[in-house]
Amino acid sequence: TAILKGPEDKVNLTCSHTVSSYNMILWYQQSAQNTALKLIGYVRYTSPTVEDSFKGRFDVSGDAAANKMAYLHFPKVPEAEDSAVYFCAASEAQCFTIPSLLYKNPL
C-alpha cells in the first residue's frame, strides 16, 4: 500500500498477523539510497523496543501476542529521509543468554 502524506500529516502504520504461536512483530525500513533492510524496532508481547539509530524518529507499540497487532508511529513530522518502504514481520520470539557475556573478564 502506498501512503502519500503532506509535511504536517501524522503517520501511523498498522501490522497484524494470524499465527497463534507468534508473539513478536518487527518493523523494518528500506530506503531508496540504501536497499538493505534496517530494523527500526519491534514489539515482543506488549514490550516495545526501538533501535538506538531510530529513537526519537519512530515509536512502536501494540500487542503482538494477544491482539496480534503492532503499530509504527512517526511522532515527529516525517522528514525527506523517512520516505521509504516499510515492512513488518511476525515471529516467534527467541530469547537466549550467552553465559560468557554475563561476566566481565579480568585483565
N, C-alpha and C. Protein backbone atom coordinates (compact mmCIF):
# COMPACT_ATOMS: atom_id res chain seq x y z
N THR A 1 0.84 -1.18 0.00
CA THR A 1 0.00 0.00 0.00
C THR A 1 0.88 1.24 0.00
N ALA A 2 0.64 2.14 -0.89
CA ALA A 2 1.39 3.40 -0.93
C ALA A 2 0.65 4.42 -0.08
N ILE A 3 1.41 5.17 0.71
CA ILE A 3 0.83 6.21 1.54
C ILE A 3 1.54 7.51 1.19
N LEU A 4 0.77 8.47 0.76
CA LEU A 4 1.33 9.79 0.47
C LEU A 4 0.86 10.74 1.55
N LYS A 5 1.80 11.38 2.20
CA LYS A 5 1.46 12.28 3.29
C LYS A 5 2.12 13.62 3.06
N GLY A 6 1.43 14.66 3.49
CA GLY A 6 1.99 16.01 3.42
C GLY A 6 2.92 16.25 4.59
N PRO A 7 3.64 17.37 4.56
CA PRO A 7 4.66 17.63 5.59
C PRO A 7 4.11 17.72 7.02
N GLU A 8 2.85 18.07 7.19
CA GLU A 8 2.30 18.21 8.54
C GLU A 8 1.44 17.03 8.96
N ASP A 9 1.30 16.04 8.10
CA ASP A 9 0.43 14.90 8.39
C ASP A 9 1.10 13.92 9.34
N LYS A 10 0.33 13.40 10.29
CA LYS A 10 0.83 12.35 11.17
C LYS A 10 0.75 11.01 10.43
N VAL A 11 1.72 10.14 10.71
CA VAL A 11 1.77 8.86 10.03
C VAL A 11 1.75 7.75 11.07
N ASN A 12 0.85 6.80 10.90
CA ASN A 12 0.78 5.60 11.73
C ASN A 12 0.56 4.41 10.81
N LEU A 13 1.40 3.41 10.95
CA LEU A 13 1.25 2.19 10.16
C LEU A 13 0.81 1.06 11.09
N THR A 14 0.02 0.14 10.57
CA THR A 14 -0.50 -0.98 11.34
C THR A 14 -0.07 -2.30 10.70
N CYS A 15 0.26 -3.26 11.54
CA CYS A 15 0.63 -4.60 11.06
C CYS A 15 -0.11 -5.62 11.93
N SER A 16 -0.61 -6.67 11.30
CA SER A 16 -1.28 -7.73 12.06
C SER A 16 -0.90 -9.08 11.48
N HIS A 17 -1.10 -10.12 12.28
CA HIS A 17 -0.83 -11.48 11.84
C HIS A 17 -1.86 -12.42 12.45
N THR A 18 -1.85 -13.68 11.99
CA THR A 18 -2.85 -14.64 12.46
C THR A 18 -2.23 -15.94 12.97
N VAL A 19 -0.92 -15.96 13.16
CA VAL A 19 -0.25 -17.18 13.62
C VAL A 19 -0.26 -17.20 15.15
N SER A 20 -0.92 -18.20 15.74
CA SER A 20 -1.14 -18.19 17.18
C SER A 20 0.16 -18.26 17.99
N SER A 21 1.20 -18.89 17.48
CA SER A 21 2.44 -19.02 18.25
C SER A 21 3.38 -17.83 18.10
N TYR A 22 3.06 -16.90 17.21
CA TYR A 22 3.93 -15.73 17.01
C TYR A 22 3.60 -14.67 18.05
N ASN A 23 4.62 -14.17 18.72
CA ASN A 23 4.43 -13.19 19.80
C ASN A 23 5.35 -11.98 19.65
N MET A 24 5.85 -11.77 18.43
CA MET A 24 6.77 -10.66 18.19
C MET A 24 6.50 -10.10 16.80
N ILE A 25 6.42 -8.77 16.70
CA ILE A 25 6.28 -8.11 15.40
C ILE A 25 7.42 -7.11 15.26
N LEU A 26 8.11 -7.17 14.14
CA LEU A 26 9.27 -6.33 13.89
C LEU A 26 8.95 -5.37 12.75
N TRP A 27 9.54 -4.17 12.81
CA TRP A 27 9.37 -3.16 11.77
C TRP A 27 10.72 -2.87 11.13
N TYR A 28 10.73 -2.80 9.79
CA TYR A 28 11.95 -2.54 9.03
C TYR A 28 11.73 -1.37 8.08
N GLN A 29 12.83 -0.69 7.77
CA GLN A 29 12.82 0.40 6.79
C GLN A 29 13.76 0.06 5.65
N GLN A 30 13.31 0.32 4.43
CA GLN A 30 14.17 0.17 3.24
C GLN A 30 14.09 1.47 2.45
N SER A 31 15.20 2.19 2.42
CA SER A 31 15.21 3.48 1.72
C SER A 31 15.74 3.31 0.31
N ALA A 32 15.46 4.28 -0.54
CA ALA A 32 15.94 4.23 -1.92
C ALA A 32 17.46 4.32 -1.97
N GLN A 33 18.05 5.06 -1.02
CA GLN A 33 19.51 5.24 -1.00
C GLN A 33 20.23 3.98 -0.53
N ASN A 34 19.60 3.23 0.36
CA ASN A 34 20.23 2.03 0.91
C ASN A 34 19.16 0.94 0.94
N THR A 35 19.29 -0.02 0.05
CA THR A 35 18.22 -1.02 -0.08
C THR A 35 18.27 -2.11 0.99
N ALA A 36 19.27 -2.07 1.87
CA ALA A 36 19.31 -3.03 2.98
C ALA A 36 18.15 -2.75 3.92
N LEU A 37 17.57 -3.81 4.48
CA LEU A 37 16.51 -3.63 5.47
C LEU A 37 17.14 -3.24 6.80
N LYS A 38 16.69 -2.13 7.36
CA LYS A 38 17.19 -1.68 8.66
C LYS A 38 16.10 -1.89 9.70
N LEU A 39 16.45 -2.57 10.78
CA LEU A 39 15.48 -2.82 11.85
C LEU A 39 15.20 -1.52 12.59
N ILE A 40 13.95 -1.10 12.59
CA ILE A 40 13.53 0.10 13.33
C ILE A 40 13.28 -0.26 14.78
N GLY A 41 12.53 -1.33 14.99
CA GLY A 41 12.19 -1.76 16.33
C GLY A 41 11.21 -2.91 16.27
N TYR A 42 10.75 -3.33 17.43
CA TYR A 42 9.85 -4.47 17.49
C TYR A 42 9.02 -4.42 18.76
N VAL A 43 7.95 -5.19 18.75
CA VAL A 43 7.11 -5.40 19.93
C VAL A 43 7.16 -6.88 20.25
N ARG A 44 7.63 -7.22 21.43
CA ARG A 44 7.64 -8.60 21.90
C ARG A 44 6.56 -8.70 22.97
N TYR A 45 5.54 -9.48 22.70
CA TYR A 45 4.31 -9.47 23.51
C TYR A 45 3.78 -8.05 23.51
N THR A 46 3.89 -7.32 24.63
CA THR A 46 3.46 -5.91 24.65
C THR A 46 4.64 -4.97 24.92
N SER A 47 5.84 -5.51 24.91
CA SER A 47 7.02 -4.71 25.25
C SER A 47 7.68 -4.15 23.99
N PRO A 48 7.67 -2.82 23.83
CA PRO A 48 8.26 -2.23 22.63
C PRO A 48 9.75 -1.92 22.79
N THR A 49 10.48 -2.05 21.71
CA THR A 49 11.90 -1.68 21.66
C THR A 49 12.15 -0.95 20.35
N VAL A 50 12.82 0.21 20.43
CA VAL A 50 13.22 0.95 19.24
C VAL A 50 14.75 0.98 19.21
N GLU A 51 15.32 0.65 18.06
CA GLU A 51 16.77 0.67 17.91
C GLU A 51 17.30 2.09 18.12
N ASP A 52 18.50 2.20 18.68
CA ASP A 52 19.08 3.50 19.02
C ASP A 52 19.08 4.47 17.84
N SER A 53 19.41 3.99 16.65
CA SER A 53 19.51 4.88 15.49
C SER A 53 18.17 5.44 15.04
N PHE A 54 17.06 4.88 15.56
CA PHE A 54 15.73 5.35 15.18
C PHE A 54 14.98 6.02 16.34
N LYS A 55 15.59 6.06 17.52
CA LYS A 55 14.91 6.66 18.68
C LYS A 55 14.66 8.14 18.42
N GLY A 56 13.46 8.58 18.80
CA GLY A 56 13.07 9.97 18.58
C GLY A 56 12.41 10.18 17.23
N ARG A 57 12.68 9.31 16.28
CA ARG A 57 12.06 9.43 14.95
C ARG A 57 10.86 8.51 14.80
N PHE A 58 10.87 7.38 15.53
CA PHE A 58 9.80 6.39 15.44
C PHE A 58 9.46 5.87 16.82
N ASP A 59 8.21 5.45 16.99
CA ASP A 59 7.76 4.73 18.17
C ASP A 59 7.07 3.46 17.69
N VAL A 60 7.17 2.40 18.48
CA VAL A 60 6.42 1.18 18.18
C VAL A 60 5.55 0.85 19.39
N SER A 61 4.41 0.23 19.13
CA SER A 61 3.52 -0.16 20.22
C SER A 61 2.67 -1.32 19.72
N GLY A 62 1.87 -1.85 20.62
CA GLY A 62 0.93 -2.90 20.24
C GLY A 62 0.99 -4.10 21.16
N ASP A 63 0.31 -5.15 20.75
CA ASP A 63 0.29 -6.42 21.47
C ASP A 63 0.45 -7.51 20.43
N ALA A 64 1.67 -8.01 20.29
CA ALA A 64 1.99 -8.97 19.24
C ALA A 64 1.45 -10.36 19.52
N ALA A 65 1.11 -10.64 20.77
CA ALA A 65 0.66 -11.99 21.13
C ALA A 65 -0.87 -12.10 21.18
N ALA A 66 -1.51 -11.34 22.05
CA ALA A 66 -2.96 -11.47 22.22
C ALA A 66 -3.74 -10.86 21.06
N ASN A 67 -3.50 -9.59 20.78
CA ASN A 67 -4.23 -8.92 19.69
C ASN A 67 -3.59 -9.14 18.33
N LYS A 68 -2.33 -9.58 18.34
CA LYS A 68 -1.58 -9.85 17.11
C LYS A 68 -1.48 -8.63 16.21
N MET A 69 -1.30 -7.45 16.84
CA MET A 69 -1.19 -6.20 16.09
C MET A 69 -0.06 -5.36 16.64
N ALA A 70 0.58 -4.61 15.76
CA ALA A 70 1.62 -3.67 16.17
C ALA A 70 1.49 -2.43 15.32
N TYR A 71 2.01 -1.33 15.87
CA TYR A 71 1.88 -0.03 15.22
C TYR A 71 3.24 0.63 15.14
N LEU A 72 3.46 1.33 14.02
CA LEU A 72 4.66 2.13 13.84
C LEU A 72 4.20 3.58 13.75
N HIS A 73 4.67 4.40 14.69
CA HIS A 73 4.27 5.80 14.76
C HIS A 73 5.45 6.70 14.39
N PHE A 74 5.15 7.76 13.69
CA PHE A 74 6.13 8.81 13.40
C PHE A 74 5.78 9.98 14.31
N PRO A 75 6.39 10.07 15.50
CA PRO A 75 5.97 11.11 16.44
C PRO A 75 6.29 12.53 15.97
N LYS A 76 7.35 12.68 15.19
CA LYS A 76 7.70 13.99 14.64
C LYS A 76 7.16 14.06 13.21
N VAL A 77 7.15 15.26 12.67
CA VAL A 77 6.78 15.41 11.28
C VAL A 77 7.80 14.64 10.44
N PRO A 78 7.34 13.73 9.59
CA PRO A 78 8.29 12.95 8.79
C PRO A 78 9.17 13.84 7.92
N GLU A 79 10.43 13.46 7.82
CA GLU A 79 11.38 14.21 7.01
C GLU A 79 11.59 13.47 5.69
N ALA A 80 12.31 14.11 4.77
CA ALA A 80 12.55 13.50 3.46
C ALA A 80 13.22 12.14 3.60
N GLU A 81 14.12 12.01 4.58
CA GLU A 81 14.83 10.73 4.75
C GLU A 81 13.91 9.62 5.23
N ASP A 82 12.71 9.96 5.71
CA ASP A 82 11.75 8.95 6.14
C ASP A 82 10.94 8.39 4.97
N SER A 83 11.12 8.97 3.78
CA SER A 83 10.46 8.45 2.59
C SER A 83 11.12 7.13 2.24
N ALA A 84 10.39 6.04 2.43
CA ALA A 84 10.97 4.71 2.30
C ALA A 84 9.86 3.68 2.20
N VAL A 85 10.26 2.44 2.02
CA VAL A 85 9.33 1.31 2.09
C VAL A 85 9.47 0.73 3.49
N TYR A 86 8.35 0.48 4.15
CA TYR A 86 8.35 -0.07 5.50
C TYR A 86 7.76 -1.47 5.47
N PHE A 87 8.43 -2.39 6.15
CA PHE A 87 8.00 -3.77 6.21
C PHE A 87 7.75 -4.15 7.67
N CYS A 88 6.81 -5.06 7.87
CA CYS A 88 6.68 -5.67 9.19
C CYS A 88 6.81 -7.18 9.01
N ALA A 89 7.23 -7.83 10.06
CA ALA A 89 7.38 -9.29 10.05
C ALA A 89 6.96 -9.81 11.41
N ALA A 90 6.31 -10.95 11.42
CA ALA A 90 5.91 -11.58 12.68
C ALA A 90 6.77 -12.80 12.91
N SER A 91 7.05 -13.07 14.19
CA SER A 91 7.95 -14.17 14.52
C SER A 91 7.62 -14.72 15.89
N GLU A 92 8.09 -15.93 16.13
CA GLU A 92 8.06 -16.48 17.47
C GLU A 92 9.31 -15.96 18.17
N ALA A 93 9.15 -15.22 19.25
CA ALA A 93 10.29 -14.60 19.91
C ALA A 93 11.25 -15.65 20.42
N GLN A 94 12.52 -15.41 20.19
CA GLN A 94 13.58 -16.30 20.66
C GLN A 94 14.44 -15.54 21.64
N CYS A 95 14.60 -16.07 22.82
CA CYS A 95 15.44 -15.43 23.83
C CYS A 95 16.50 -16.43 24.27
N PHE A 96 17.71 -15.97 24.34
CA PHE A 96 18.78 -16.83 24.82
C PHE A 96 19.84 -15.97 25.48
N THR A 97 20.64 -16.59 26.29
CA THR A 97 21.71 -15.90 27.00
C THR A 97 23.02 -16.60 26.71
N ILE A 98 24.03 -15.82 26.45
CA ILE A 98 25.36 -16.37 26.25
C ILE A 98 26.11 -16.14 27.56
N PRO A 99 26.36 -17.21 28.33
CA PRO A 99 26.94 -17.04 29.68
C PRO A 99 28.24 -16.25 29.69
N SER A 100 29.08 -16.40 28.68
CA SER A 100 30.37 -15.70 28.70
C SER A 100 30.21 -14.19 28.62
N LEU A 101 29.06 -13.70 28.15
CA LEU A 101 28.85 -12.27 28.07
C LEU A 101 28.30 -11.69 29.37
N LEU A 102 27.95 -12.56 30.31
CA LEU A 102 27.39 -12.08 31.57
C LEU A 102 28.47 -11.65 32.56
N TYR A 103 29.68 -12.06 32.32
CA TYR A 103 30.77 -11.80 33.27
C TYR A 103 31.84 -10.95 32.61
N LYS A 104 32.36 -10.04 33.38
CA LYS A 104 33.45 -9.21 32.89
C LYS A 104 34.75 -9.98 33.05
N ASN A 105 35.49 -10.11 31.97
CA ASN A 105 36.76 -10.81 32.05
C ASN A 105 37.81 -9.99 32.80
N PRO A 106 38.52 -10.60 33.75
CA PRO A 106 39.55 -9.83 34.46
C PRO A 106 40.73 -9.55 33.54
N LEU A 107 41.36 -8.41 33.75
CA LEU A 107 42.52 -8.02 32.91
C LEU A 107 43.79 -8.68 33.41
